[in-house]
């Protein structure tokens, strides 16, 4: 469902939508925007690898005035806008899109937008990414940011471990399935102090690197720390089990994350 603010951003930049995301090209960047529960998430794909200079320029531009959490990867930038009482201003999102894409354009004015994450070429581009799980991780950052924006209300309360885990799982599961390029969070469950996240890869996984499990674990832990939730999780001794399946529902592997991993 597209909420009014997202629709206004779409109309402002003349973007497309698929009912969940708005997407399209601004200058020479490819952008995707969705409206989650208590947050909005913006992904900006640059036409080539983001240099250190561009990285610093984006951070400096968006840090204080827009109060967004920023995750900068090799070729993409993810902005997470937390909403507490009122929706995040669509006008500020437009300003960030304009400012961020202008910085990227200034660094690479001769390049065209990389639209490999568009719906029309999704299956091809994701299949290529399968040879390097690190590239797949870029696509799930939005999911992780989304999960913890949803979970934050539960993290601030004094639950015992089992109730704490149950509250988080219920909040996350209410938003499932959460679909991104290359992966879908299907369902979330809990048992005692353990949370089980069930994912499905949406591409042929035969070429996944043998280190995929460790890379996914490292990225998940990094996002726990980036979202500032590790103190409460550690206090409640929360364990995570990340369970990954192929398109046929067959379990490929699972990763266990214990409190000492993310302390």
Foldseek 3Di string as FASTA:
>chain_A
DDDPLQVVLCVVQVFPDDVAWTWDDDQQWTKIWGDADQKIKIKIFFLFFQDPVLVVQLCVVCPPPQPWQWDDDGGMIMTIGGHDPDDRHSVVVNVSVVRSVVSSCVVPVPGHHDVCQDPVNLQVSLQVCQLPLLVVLVFCLVVLSSLCSQLVVLLVDDDAQQVSQQSSQVSSQVRPQDDTRQKTFHGWDDDRNEIETEMEGPYDNPNHDPCNQVSNVVSSLVSCVSVPRLVSSLVNFHKYKYWYDYPVRHTDDIDIDTSVNND
